[in-house]
Amino acid sequence: MTRPIEAPRNARSRRTRTAVLAATRAILEEEGLEALTMSKVAERVGVSRRGLYLHFASRTELVTALFDYLAEEEGLYRSLDRVWDAPDSVAALREWARHLGRYHPRVLAVDQAVRRVRRHDDDAALHYERAVASQLEHCRRIAEWLEREERLAPPWTVDGATEMLWALISSDLVEALVVERRWSPGLLGDHLALMYERTFVRPR
């Protein structure tokens, strides 16, 4: 098989790679990950399978690259910067809640597509595991910050708070409130912030 391009070397290659990732996202959102094949992506983009393999050597590599593509397209790192730039742990916890409201509705369809098949699709499992590892890292950072400033409410431990904060990154919750009940992302973030503060923060 043709060796994949490690990094696009010119504007045309970058455009093609972006188009491939956009097509991959669209297929996942419209038809689910089980419908994703290299042939279907190539057809949607209008390139040959051989041309597609110049950019991604396998379906696994394509799905793996989707994580970074979504993060860039939907502003994950800009949103997280607002969390880590907070002046203290309680402000960071509030901003984390608002980050969930800002970011997760934008990637809800892809997240649901991945979760639905992750137990029997190895590519979905890899994407899911990478997302979970990143989420747990962020949740632990917040829990440790609260503990360090003596603001973590009893009976929470760092481990327990980390795991609960992670569990509350729930696609079902986002779908129920934003899609079904038509909450705005801002309203979701504000209400999560209130709930998190009352749950995890030790009063002064």
N, C-alpha and C. Protein backbone atom coordinates (compact mmCIF):
# COMPACT_ATOMS: atom_id res chain seq x y z
N MET A 1 0.84 -1.21 0.00
CA MET A 1 0.00 0.00 0.00
C MET A 1 0.87 1.25 0.00
N THR A 2 0.40 2.32 -0.66
CA THR A 2 1.17 3.56 -0.74
C THR A 2 1.40 4.14 0.65
N ARG A 3 2.61 4.60 0.90
CA ARG A 3 2.94 5.20 2.20
C ARG A 3 2.12 6.47 2.40
N PRO A 4 1.45 6.63 3.56
CA PRO A 4 0.64 7.82 3.79
C PRO A 4 1.50 9.06 3.98
N ILE A 5 0.91 10.19 3.67
CA ILE A 5 1.58 11.46 3.89
C ILE A 5 1.56 11.77 5.38
N GLU A 6 2.72 11.99 5.99
CA GLU A 6 2.76 12.26 7.43
C GLU A 6 2.21 13.63 7.75
N ALA A 7 2.47 14.60 6.91
CA ALA A 7 1.92 15.94 7.09
C ALA A 7 1.74 16.54 5.70
N PRO A 8 0.60 17.18 5.43
CA PRO A 8 0.39 17.77 4.13
C PRO A 8 1.48 18.78 3.79
N ARG A 9 2.04 18.66 2.60
CA ARG A 9 3.19 19.48 2.25
C ARG A 9 2.82 20.73 1.46
N ASN A 10 1.61 20.83 1.00
CA ASN A 10 1.21 22.01 0.25
C ASN A 10 -0.27 22.28 0.48
N ALA A 11 -0.71 23.42 -0.04
CA ALA A 11 -2.09 23.84 0.22
C ALA A 11 -3.10 22.85 -0.33
N ARG A 12 -2.82 22.29 -1.50
CA ARG A 12 -3.77 21.34 -2.09
C ARG A 12 -3.89 20.09 -1.22
N SER A 13 -2.77 19.58 -0.72
CA SER A 13 -2.81 18.41 0.16
C SER A 13 -3.58 18.72 1.44
N ARG A 14 -3.37 19.91 1.99
CA ARG A 14 -4.08 20.28 3.22
C ARG A 14 -5.58 20.37 2.96
N ARG A 15 -5.96 20.93 1.81
CA ARG A 15 -7.39 21.03 1.49
C ARG A 15 -8.00 19.65 1.33
N THR A 16 -7.28 18.75 0.67
CA THR A 16 -7.80 17.40 0.48
C THR A 16 -7.96 16.69 1.82
N ARG A 17 -6.96 16.81 2.66
CA ARG A 17 -7.02 16.16 3.97
C ARG A 17 -8.20 16.70 4.79
N THR A 18 -8.39 18.01 4.76
CA THR A 18 -9.50 18.61 5.49
C THR A 18 -10.83 18.13 4.93
N ALA A 19 -10.93 18.05 3.60
CA ALA A 19 -12.16 17.57 2.98
C ALA A 19 -12.45 16.12 3.36
N VAL A 20 -11.41 15.31 3.44
CA VAL A 20 -11.58 13.91 3.84
C VAL A 20 -12.11 13.82 5.27
N LEU A 21 -11.54 14.60 6.16
CA LEU A 21 -11.98 14.57 7.56
C LEU A 21 -13.39 15.12 7.71
N ALA A 22 -13.72 16.16 6.94
CA ALA A 22 -15.08 16.69 6.97
C ALA A 22 -16.08 15.66 6.47
N ALA A 23 -15.71 14.93 5.42
CA ALA A 23 -16.58 13.88 4.89
C ALA A 23 -16.74 12.75 5.90
N THR A 24 -15.67 12.41 6.57
CA THR A 24 -15.73 11.37 7.61
C THR A 24 -16.70 11.78 8.71
N ARG A 25 -16.59 13.02 9.14
CA ARG A 25 -17.50 13.51 10.18
C ARG A 25 -18.95 13.45 9.69
N ALA A 26 -19.19 13.87 8.47
CA ALA A 26 -20.55 13.89 7.94
C ALA A 26 -21.14 12.48 7.88
N ILE A 27 -20.35 11.52 7.45
CA ILE A 27 -20.84 10.14 7.37
C ILE A 27 -21.19 9.63 8.77
N LEU A 28 -20.33 9.90 9.74
CA LEU A 28 -20.61 9.47 11.11
C LEU A 28 -21.90 10.09 11.63
N GLU A 29 -22.08 11.38 11.39
CA GLU A 29 -23.26 12.08 11.90
C GLU A 29 -24.53 11.62 11.20
N GLU A 30 -24.44 11.33 9.91
CA GLU A 30 -25.63 10.99 9.12
C GLU A 30 -25.97 9.51 9.16
N GLU A 31 -24.95 8.64 9.16
CA GLU A 31 -25.18 7.21 8.99
C GLU A 31 -24.59 6.34 10.09
N GLY A 32 -23.73 6.91 10.92
CA GLY A 32 -23.10 6.13 11.97
C GLY A 32 -21.76 5.58 11.54
N LEU A 33 -20.96 5.22 12.54
CA LEU A 33 -19.61 4.74 12.26
C LEU A 33 -19.62 3.41 11.52
N GLU A 34 -20.66 2.62 11.72
CA GLU A 34 -20.72 1.33 11.05
C GLU A 34 -20.82 1.49 9.54
N ALA A 35 -21.23 2.66 9.06
CA ALA A 35 -21.33 2.91 7.62
C ALA A 35 -20.05 3.46 7.02
N LEU A 36 -19.06 3.75 7.87
CA LEU A 36 -17.84 4.41 7.39
C LEU A 36 -16.90 3.40 6.73
N THR A 37 -16.62 3.62 5.46
CA THR A 37 -15.62 2.84 4.73
C THR A 37 -14.72 3.81 3.97
N MET A 38 -13.54 3.35 3.63
CA MET A 38 -12.63 4.19 2.86
C MET A 38 -13.23 4.51 1.50
N SER A 39 -13.92 3.54 0.91
CA SER A 39 -14.54 3.76 -0.41
C SER A 39 -15.61 4.85 -0.34
N LYS A 40 -16.42 4.82 0.73
CA LYS A 40 -17.49 5.81 0.86
C LYS A 40 -16.91 7.21 1.06
N VAL A 41 -15.85 7.31 1.85
CA VAL A 41 -15.21 8.62 2.05
C VAL A 41 -14.63 9.13 0.74
N ALA A 42 -13.92 8.27 0.03
CA ALA A 42 -13.31 8.68 -1.25
C ALA A 42 -14.37 9.15 -2.23
N GLU A 43 -15.48 8.43 -2.29
CA GLU A 43 -16.56 8.80 -3.21
C GLU A 43 -17.14 10.15 -2.84
N ARG A 44 -17.36 10.39 -1.56
CA ARG A 44 -17.95 11.65 -1.13
C ARG A 44 -17.03 12.83 -1.41
N VAL A 45 -15.73 12.63 -1.23
CA VAL A 45 -14.77 13.70 -1.45
C VAL A 45 -14.49 13.90 -2.94
N GLY A 46 -14.67 12.84 -3.72
CA GLY A 46 -14.38 12.93 -5.15
C GLY A 46 -12.93 12.63 -5.48
N VAL A 47 -12.33 11.73 -4.71
CA VAL A 47 -10.96 11.29 -4.99
C VAL A 47 -10.97 9.77 -5.14
N SER A 48 -9.90 9.25 -5.70
CA SER A 48 -9.79 7.80 -5.81
C SER A 48 -9.41 7.20 -4.46
N ARG A 49 -9.63 5.91 -4.31
CA ARG A 49 -9.19 5.25 -3.08
C ARG A 49 -7.68 5.37 -2.93
N ARG A 50 -6.98 5.24 -4.04
CA ARG A 50 -5.52 5.39 -4.00
C ARG A 50 -5.14 6.78 -3.49
N GLY A 51 -5.86 7.81 -3.97
CA GLY A 51 -5.59 9.17 -3.50
C GLY A 51 -5.87 9.32 -2.02
N LEU A 52 -6.94 8.67 -1.55
CA LEU A 52 -7.27 8.73 -0.12
C LEU A 52 -6.18 8.08 0.73
N TYR A 53 -5.64 6.96 0.24
CA TYR A 53 -4.60 6.26 1.00
C TYR A 53 -3.29 7.04 1.05
N LEU A 54 -3.12 8.02 0.20
CA LEU A 54 -1.96 8.90 0.32
C LEU A 54 -2.00 9.70 1.61
N HIS A 55 -3.21 9.95 2.10
CA HIS A 55 -3.39 10.76 3.31
C HIS A 55 -3.62 9.91 4.56
N PHE A 56 -4.34 8.81 4.41
CA PHE A 56 -4.67 7.95 5.54
C PHE A 56 -4.49 6.50 5.11
N ALA A 57 -3.61 5.80 5.80
CA ALA A 57 -3.26 4.44 5.40
C ALA A 57 -4.35 3.43 5.71
N SER A 58 -5.29 3.80 6.58
CA SER A 58 -6.31 2.85 7.00
C SER A 58 -7.50 3.60 7.59
N ARG A 59 -8.59 2.89 7.75
CA ARG A 59 -9.77 3.43 8.43
C ARG A 59 -9.41 3.80 9.87
N THR A 60 -8.58 3.00 10.51
CA THR A 60 -8.15 3.30 11.88
C THR A 60 -7.46 4.65 11.95
N GLU A 61 -6.53 4.89 11.04
CA GLU A 61 -5.80 6.15 11.03
C GLU A 61 -6.74 7.32 10.78
N LEU A 62 -7.73 7.11 9.92
CA LEU A 62 -8.70 8.16 9.60
C LEU A 62 -9.54 8.51 10.83
N VAL A 63 -10.06 7.50 11.50
CA VAL A 63 -10.88 7.75 12.68
C VAL A 63 -10.06 8.38 13.80
N THR A 64 -8.81 7.96 13.93
CA THR A 64 -7.93 8.55 14.94
C THR A 64 -7.70 10.03 14.67
N ALA A 65 -7.49 10.39 13.40
CA ALA A 65 -7.26 11.79 13.03
C ALA A 65 -8.49 12.65 13.27
N LEU A 66 -9.66 12.02 13.29
CA LEU A 66 -10.89 12.78 13.48
C LEU A 66 -10.92 13.49 14.82
N PHE A 67 -10.31 12.90 15.85
CA PHE A 67 -10.28 13.52 17.18
C PHE A 67 -9.67 14.91 17.11
N ASP A 68 -8.49 15.01 16.50
CA ASP A 68 -7.80 16.30 16.41
C ASP A 68 -8.53 17.26 15.48
N TYR A 69 -9.13 16.72 14.42
CA TYR A 69 -9.89 17.57 13.50
C TYR A 69 -11.07 18.22 14.22
N LEU A 70 -11.83 17.43 14.96
CA LEU A 70 -12.98 17.98 15.68
C LEU A 70 -12.54 19.01 16.72
N ALA A 71 -11.45 18.70 17.42
CA ALA A 71 -10.95 19.63 18.43
C ALA A 71 -10.60 20.98 17.81
N GLU A 72 -9.96 20.94 16.65
CA GLU A 72 -9.57 22.19 15.98
C GLU A 72 -10.79 22.91 15.42
N GLU A 73 -11.66 22.18 14.75
CA GLU A 73 -12.83 22.80 14.11
C GLU A 73 -13.78 23.43 15.12
N GLU A 74 -13.95 22.78 16.25
CA GLU A 74 -14.95 23.23 17.22
C GLU A 74 -14.36 24.00 18.40
N GLY A 75 -13.08 24.31 18.33
CA GLY A 75 -12.48 25.20 19.31
C GLY A 75 -12.26 24.60 20.68
N LEU A 76 -11.92 23.31 20.73
CA LEU A 76 -11.72 22.65 22.03
C LEU A 76 -10.65 23.35 22.86
N TYR A 77 -9.51 23.62 22.27
CA TYR A 77 -8.39 24.14 23.06
C TYR A 77 -8.62 25.60 23.47
N ARG A 78 -9.27 26.38 22.64
CA ARG A 78 -9.62 27.75 23.04
C ARG A 78 -10.59 27.72 24.22
N SER A 79 -11.54 26.80 24.16
CA SER A 79 -12.51 26.70 25.24
C SER A 79 -11.84 26.25 26.53
N LEU A 80 -10.93 25.28 26.44
CA LEU A 80 -10.23 24.80 27.63
C LEU A 80 -9.30 25.86 28.21
N ASP A 81 -8.74 26.71 27.36
CA ASP A 81 -7.88 27.78 27.87
C ASP A 81 -8.61 28.64 28.88
N ARG A 82 -9.90 28.84 28.68
CA ARG A 82 -10.69 29.65 29.61
C ARG A 82 -10.82 28.96 30.97
N VAL A 83 -10.79 27.64 30.97
CA VAL A 83 -10.80 26.90 32.24
C VAL A 83 -9.49 27.09 32.97
N TRP A 84 -8.39 26.84 32.27
CA TRP A 84 -7.08 26.85 32.94
C TRP A 84 -6.56 28.25 33.22
N ASP A 85 -7.15 29.26 32.59
CA ASP A 85 -6.78 30.64 32.89
C ASP A 85 -7.57 31.21 34.07
N ALA A 86 -8.47 30.42 34.64
CA ALA A 86 -9.28 30.90 35.77
C ALA A 86 -8.37 31.24 36.96
N PRO A 87 -8.77 32.22 37.78
CA PRO A 87 -7.90 32.67 38.87
C PRO A 87 -7.81 31.71 40.05
N ASP A 88 -8.77 30.81 40.18
CA ASP A 88 -8.74 29.86 41.30
C ASP A 88 -9.53 28.62 40.92
N SER A 89 -9.51 27.63 41.80
CA SER A 89 -10.10 26.33 41.47
C SER A 89 -11.62 26.39 41.32
N VAL A 90 -12.28 27.19 42.14
CA VAL A 90 -13.74 27.27 42.05
C VAL A 90 -14.15 27.93 40.74
N ALA A 91 -13.45 28.99 40.37
CA ALA A 91 -13.73 29.62 39.08
C ALA A 91 -13.44 28.66 37.93
N ALA A 92 -12.41 27.84 38.07
CA ALA A 92 -12.09 26.85 37.04
C ALA A 92 -13.20 25.81 36.93
N LEU A 93 -13.74 25.38 38.06
CA LEU A 93 -14.84 24.42 38.04
C LEU A 93 -16.06 25.00 37.33
N ARG A 94 -16.38 26.25 37.64
CA ARG A 94 -17.50 26.90 36.95
C ARG A 94 -17.24 26.97 35.45
N GLU A 95 -16.02 27.35 35.08
CA GLU A 95 -15.70 27.49 33.66
C GLU A 95 -15.67 26.13 32.96
N TRP A 96 -15.29 25.09 33.68
CA TRP A 96 -15.35 23.73 33.13
C TRP A 96 -16.79 23.38 32.76
N ALA A 97 -17.72 23.71 33.64
CA ALA A 97 -19.12 23.45 33.35
C ALA A 97 -19.56 24.21 32.10
N ARG A 98 -19.14 25.45 31.99
CA ARG A 98 -19.52 26.25 30.81
C ARG A 98 -18.82 25.73 29.55
N HIS A 99 -17.61 25.21 29.72
CA HIS A 99 -16.94 24.56 28.59
C HIS A 99 -17.76 23.39 28.07
N LEU A 100 -18.30 22.58 28.98
CA LEU A 100 -19.13 21.45 28.55
C LEU A 100 -20.34 21.95 27.76
N GLY A 101 -20.93 23.04 28.22
CA GLY A 101 -22.06 23.61 27.49
C GLY A 101 -21.67 24.16 26.14
N ARG A 102 -20.48 24.74 26.05
CA ARG A 102 -20.01 25.31 24.77
C ARG A 102 -19.65 24.23 23.76
N TYR A 103 -18.90 23.25 24.23
CA TYR A 103 -18.23 22.34 23.29
C TYR A 103 -19.02 21.08 22.98
N HIS A 104 -19.56 20.44 23.97
CA HIS A 104 -20.09 19.09 23.75
C HIS A 104 -21.35 19.02 22.88
N PRO A 105 -22.23 20.02 22.90
CA PRO A 105 -23.32 19.94 21.92
C PRO A 105 -22.83 19.95 20.47
N ARG A 106 -21.68 20.54 20.21
CA ARG A 106 -21.16 20.62 18.84
C ARG A 106 -20.66 19.28 18.33
N VAL A 107 -20.25 18.42 19.22
CA VAL A 107 -19.70 17.12 18.80
C VAL A 107 -20.61 15.97 19.25
N LEU A 108 -21.83 16.29 19.61
CA LEU A 108 -22.74 15.28 20.16
C LEU A 108 -22.98 14.14 19.19
N ALA A 109 -23.26 14.45 17.93
CA ALA A 109 -23.61 13.39 16.97
C ALA A 109 -22.45 12.42 16.76
N VAL A 110 -21.24 12.94 16.66
CA VAL A 110 -20.07 12.07 16.50
C VAL A 110 -19.86 11.23 17.76
N ASP A 111 -19.98 11.86 18.92
CA ASP A 111 -19.79 11.14 20.17
C ASP A 111 -20.79 9.99 20.29
N GLN A 112 -22.03 10.25 19.94
CA GLN A 112 -23.05 9.20 20.02
C GLN A 112 -22.76 8.07 19.03
N ALA A 113 -22.31 8.44 17.83
CA ALA A 113 -21.99 7.42 16.82
C ALA A 113 -20.87 6.51 17.30
N VAL A 114 -19.87 7.11 17.93
CA VAL A 114 -18.73 6.33 18.44
C VAL A 114 -19.15 5.44 19.61
N ARG A 115 -19.88 6.01 20.54
CA ARG A 115 -20.29 5.25 21.72
C ARG A 115 -21.17 4.06 21.35
N ARG A 116 -22.00 4.24 20.34
CA ARG A 116 -22.95 3.19 19.97
C ARG A 116 -22.26 1.90 19.54
N VAL A 117 -21.09 2.01 18.92
CA VAL A 117 -20.45 0.82 18.34
C VAL A 117 -19.09 0.50 18.95
N ARG A 118 -18.70 1.23 19.99
CA ARG A 118 -17.32 1.10 20.48
C ARG A 118 -17.00 -0.28 21.05
N ARG A 119 -17.99 -1.03 21.47
CA ARG A 119 -17.72 -2.34 22.06
C ARG A 119 -17.43 -3.41 21.01
N HIS A 120 -17.77 -3.14 19.75
CA HIS A 120 -17.49 -4.13 18.71
C HIS A 120 -16.82 -3.53 17.47
N ASP A 121 -16.38 -2.29 17.55
CA ASP A 121 -15.64 -1.65 16.45
C ASP A 121 -14.32 -1.14 17.03
N ASP A 122 -13.22 -1.73 16.61
CA ASP A 122 -11.92 -1.38 17.19
C ASP A 122 -11.55 0.08 16.96
N ASP A 123 -11.92 0.63 15.79
CA ASP A 123 -11.60 2.03 15.52
C ASP A 123 -12.39 2.95 16.44
N ALA A 124 -13.65 2.62 16.65
CA ALA A 124 -14.46 3.41 17.59
C ALA A 124 -13.89 3.31 19.00
N ALA A 125 -13.45 2.12 19.37
CA ALA A 125 -12.88 1.93 20.71
C ALA A 125 -11.64 2.79 20.92
N LEU A 126 -10.78 2.87 19.90
CA LEU A 126 -9.58 3.70 20.02
C LEU A 126 -9.94 5.17 20.17
N HIS A 127 -10.89 5.64 19.36
CA HIS A 127 -11.33 7.04 19.44
C HIS A 127 -11.91 7.31 20.84
N TYR A 128 -12.76 6.41 21.31
CA TYR A 128 -13.39 6.57 22.61
C TYR A 128 -12.36 6.59 23.73
N GLU A 129 -11.41 5.67 23.68
CA GLU A 129 -10.39 5.60 24.73
C GLU A 129 -9.54 6.87 24.76
N ARG A 130 -9.24 7.41 23.60
CA ARG A 130 -8.45 8.65 23.58
C ARG A 130 -9.25 9.80 24.18
N ALA A 131 -10.53 9.88 23.83
CA ALA A 131 -11.37 10.94 24.38
C ALA A 131 -11.50 10.81 25.90
N VAL A 132 -11.72 9.59 26.37
CA VAL A 132 -11.88 9.36 27.81
C VAL A 132 -10.60 9.73 28.56
N ALA A 133 -9.45 9.34 28.03
CA ALA A 133 -8.18 9.66 28.69
C ALA A 133 -8.00 11.16 28.83
N SER A 134 -8.35 11.91 27.77
CA SER A 134 -8.23 13.36 27.82
C SER A 134 -9.21 13.95 28.84
N GLN A 135 -10.45 13.47 28.83
CA GLN A 135 -11.45 13.98 29.76
C GLN A 135 -11.06 13.70 31.22
N LEU A 136 -10.59 12.50 31.49
CA LEU A 136 -10.18 12.16 32.85
C LEU A 136 -9.01 13.02 33.32
N GLU A 137 -8.09 13.30 32.42
CA GLU A 137 -6.96 14.16 32.76
C GLU A 137 -7.44 15.54 33.18
N HIS A 138 -8.38 16.11 32.43
CA HIS A 138 -8.91 17.43 32.77
C HIS A 138 -9.67 17.39 34.10
N CYS A 139 -10.50 16.37 34.28
CA CYS A 139 -11.29 16.28 35.52
C CYS A 139 -10.38 16.13 36.74
N ARG A 140 -9.33 15.34 36.61
CA ARG A 140 -8.39 15.18 37.72
C ARG A 140 -7.68 16.50 38.02
N ARG A 141 -7.33 17.22 36.99
CA ARG A 141 -6.64 18.49 37.21
C ARG A 141 -7.51 19.44 38.03
N ILE A 142 -8.80 19.47 37.73
CA ILE A 142 -9.72 20.33 38.49
C ILE A 142 -9.86 19.83 39.92
N ALA A 143 -10.05 18.52 40.09
CA ALA A 143 -10.21 17.96 41.44
C ALA A 143 -8.97 18.20 42.29
N GLU A 144 -7.81 18.03 41.71
CA GLU A 144 -6.56 18.28 42.46
C GLU A 144 -6.41 19.75 42.80
N TRP A 145 -6.85 20.62 41.92
CA TRP A 145 -6.78 22.06 42.18
C TRP A 145 -7.69 22.42 43.36
N LEU A 146 -8.92 21.89 43.35
CA LEU A 146 -9.83 22.12 44.48
C LEU A 146 -9.22 21.60 45.78
N GLU A 147 -8.64 20.42 45.74
CA GLU A 147 -8.03 19.83 46.94
C GLU A 147 -6.86 20.67 47.42
N ARG A 148 -6.05 21.13 46.50
CA ARG A 148 -4.86 21.91 46.85
C ARG A 148 -5.24 23.21 47.53
N GLU A 149 -6.34 23.81 47.10
CA GLU A 149 -6.79 25.06 47.70
C GLU A 149 -7.76 24.83 48.86
N GLU A 150 -7.92 23.57 49.26
CA GLU A 150 -8.80 23.19 50.37
C GLU A 150 -10.24 23.61 50.12
N ARG A 151 -10.67 23.46 48.88
CA ARG A 151 -12.05 23.80 48.51
C ARG A 151 -12.86 22.57 48.10
N LEU A 152 -12.26 21.40 48.09
CA LEU A 152 -12.99 20.19 47.73
C LEU A 152 -13.86 19.75 48.90
N ALA A 153 -15.16 19.70 48.67
CA ALA A 153 -16.11 19.43 49.75
C ALA A 153 -16.04 17.97 50.19
N PRO A 154 -16.18 17.73 51.50
CA PRO A 154 -16.31 16.35 51.96
C PRO A 154 -17.68 15.79 51.54
N PRO A 155 -17.80 14.50 51.30
CA PRO A 155 -16.79 13.46 51.50
C PRO A 155 -15.97 13.17 50.24
N TRP A 156 -15.92 14.10 49.30
CA TRP A 156 -15.24 13.83 48.04
C TRP A 156 -13.73 13.67 48.25
N THR A 157 -13.18 12.69 47.56
CA THR A 157 -11.74 12.57 47.41
C THR A 157 -11.39 13.02 46.00
N VAL A 158 -10.11 13.20 45.73
CA VAL A 158 -9.69 13.57 44.38
C VAL A 158 -10.14 12.51 43.38
N ASP A 159 -9.94 11.24 43.73
CA ASP A 159 -10.34 10.17 42.81
C ASP A 159 -11.84 10.17 42.58
N GLY A 160 -12.61 10.28 43.66
CA GLY A 160 -14.06 10.25 43.52
C GLY A 160 -14.59 11.43 42.73
N ALA A 161 -14.07 12.63 43.01
CA ALA A 161 -14.51 13.82 42.27
C ALA A 161 -14.12 13.72 40.80
N THR A 162 -12.93 13.21 40.54
CA THR A 162 -12.49 13.02 39.15
C THR A 162 -13.47 12.14 38.40
N GLU A 163 -13.81 11.02 38.99
CA GLU A 163 -14.67 10.06 38.31
C GLU A 163 -16.09 10.59 38.14
N MET A 164 -16.60 11.31 39.14
CA MET A 164 -17.95 11.86 39.01
C MET A 164 -17.99 12.97 37.97
N LEU A 165 -17.00 13.85 37.98
CA LEU A 165 -16.95 14.90 36.97
C LEU A 165 -16.89 14.30 35.57
N TRP A 166 -16.12 13.22 35.43
CA TRP A 166 -16.03 12.56 34.12
C TRP A 166 -17.37 11.95 33.73
N ALA A 167 -18.03 11.27 34.67
CA ALA A 167 -19.31 10.64 34.36
C ALA A 167 -20.36 11.66 33.95
N LEU A 168 -20.23 12.88 34.45
CA LEU A 168 -21.20 13.93 34.12
C LEU A 168 -20.95 14.55 32.75
N ILE A 169 -19.88 14.12 32.06
CA ILE A 169 -19.71 14.50 30.65
C ILE A 169 -20.56 13.51 29.86
N SER A 170 -21.85 13.73 29.89
CA SER A 170 -22.81 12.72 29.43
C SER A 170 -23.50 13.16 28.15
N SER A 171 -23.36 12.37 27.10
CA SER A 171 -24.08 12.66 25.86
C SER A 171 -25.58 12.57 26.06
N ASP A 172 -26.02 11.64 26.92
CA ASP A 172 -27.45 11.52 27.18
C ASP A 172 -27.98 12.79 27.83
N LEU A 173 -27.22 13.36 28.76
CA LEU A 173 -27.63 14.59 29.42
C LEU A 173 -27.71 15.74 28.41
N VAL A 174 -26.69 15.86 27.57
CA VAL A 174 -26.68 16.93 26.56
C VAL A 174 -27.84 16.77 25.60
N GLU A 175 -28.08 15.56 25.14
CA GLU A 175 -29.19 15.33 24.21
C GLU A 175 -30.53 15.65 24.87
N ALA A 176 -30.70 15.20 26.11
CA ALA A 176 -31.97 15.43 26.79
C ALA A 176 -32.27 16.92 26.95
N LEU A 177 -31.27 17.69 27.36
CA LEU A 177 -31.51 19.09 27.67
C LEU A 177 -31.39 20.02 26.46
N VAL A 178 -30.38 19.82 25.63
CA VAL A 178 -30.17 20.72 24.49
C VAL A 178 -31.04 20.34 23.30
N VAL A 179 -31.12 19.06 23.00
CA VAL A 179 -31.87 18.62 21.82
C VAL A 179 -33.36 18.49 22.14
N GLU A 180 -33.67 17.73 23.19
CA GLU A 180 -35.08 17.45 23.46
C GLU A 180 -35.79 18.59 24.19
N ARG A 181 -35.14 19.18 25.19
CA ARG A 181 -35.78 20.25 25.96
C ARG A 181 -35.41 21.63 25.45
N ARG A 182 -34.53 21.68 24.47
CA ARG A 182 -34.17 22.92 23.78
C ARG A 182 -33.51 23.97 24.69
N TRP A 183 -32.71 23.51 25.63
CA TRP A 183 -31.89 24.45 26.38
C TRP A 183 -30.80 24.99 25.46
N SER A 184 -30.44 26.24 25.68
CA SER A 184 -29.29 26.78 24.95
C SER A 184 -28.02 26.24 25.58
N PRO A 185 -26.91 26.19 24.82
CA PRO A 185 -25.64 25.78 25.41
C PRO A 185 -25.25 26.64 26.61
N GLY A 186 -25.56 27.94 26.55
CA GLY A 186 -25.24 28.82 27.67
C GLY A 186 -26.02 28.47 28.92
N LEU A 187 -27.31 28.17 28.74
CA LEU A 187 -28.14 27.78 29.89
C LEU A 187 -27.64 26.47 30.49
N LEU A 188 -27.29 25.52 29.63
CA LEU A 188 -26.74 24.26 30.12
C LEU A 188 -25.48 24.50 30.94
N GLY A 189 -24.57 25.30 30.41
CA GLY A 189 -23.32 25.57 31.12
C GLY A 189 -23.55 26.25 32.46
N ASP A 190 -24.45 27.23 32.49
CA ASP A 190 -24.71 27.95 33.74
C ASP A 190 -25.33 27.04 34.80
N HIS A 191 -26.26 26.19 34.40
CA HIS A 191 -26.90 25.30 35.37
C HIS A 191 -25.95 24.20 35.83
N LEU A 192 -25.11 23.72 34.94
CA LEU A 192 -24.09 22.76 35.37
C LEU A 192 -23.13 23.41 36.36
N ALA A 193 -22.76 24.65 36.10
CA ALA A 193 -21.84 25.36 37.00
C ALA A 193 -22.45 25.47 38.40
N LEU A 194 -23.73 25.80 38.47
CA LEU A 194 -24.41 25.90 39.76
C LEU A 194 -24.43 24.55 40.47
N MET A 195 -24.77 23.50 39.74
CA MET A 195 -24.84 22.16 40.33
C MET A 195 -23.46 21.69 40.79
N TYR A 196 -22.45 21.91 39.95
CA TYR A 196 -21.09 21.48 40.32
C TYR A 196 -20.60 22.20 41.57
N GLU A 197 -20.84 23.51 41.62
CA GLU A 197 -20.34 24.26 42.78
C GLU A 197 -21.00 23.79 44.07
N ARG A 198 -22.31 23.54 44.02
CA ARG A 198 -23.00 23.10 45.22
C ARG A 198 -22.63 21.66 45.61
N THR A 199 -22.17 20.90 44.63
CA THR A 199 -21.83 19.49 44.89
C THR A 199 -20.39 19.31 45.34
N PHE A 200 -19.47 20.00 44.69
CA PHE A 200 -18.05 19.69 44.88
C PHE A 200 -17.27 20.71 45.72
N VAL A 201 -17.85 21.88 45.97
CA VAL A 201 -17.07 22.95 46.60
C VAL A 201 -17.40 23.07 48.09
N ARG A 202 -16.37 23.08 48.90
CA ARG A 202 -16.50 23.30 50.35
C ARG A 202 -16.79 24.79 50.60
N PRO A 203 -17.87 25.11 51.30
CA PRO A 203 -18.14 26.52 51.61
C PRO A 203 -17.03 27.09 52.49
N ARG A 204 -16.78 28.37 52.33
CA ARG A 204 -15.77 29.02 53.19
C ARG A 204 -16.35 29.27 54.58
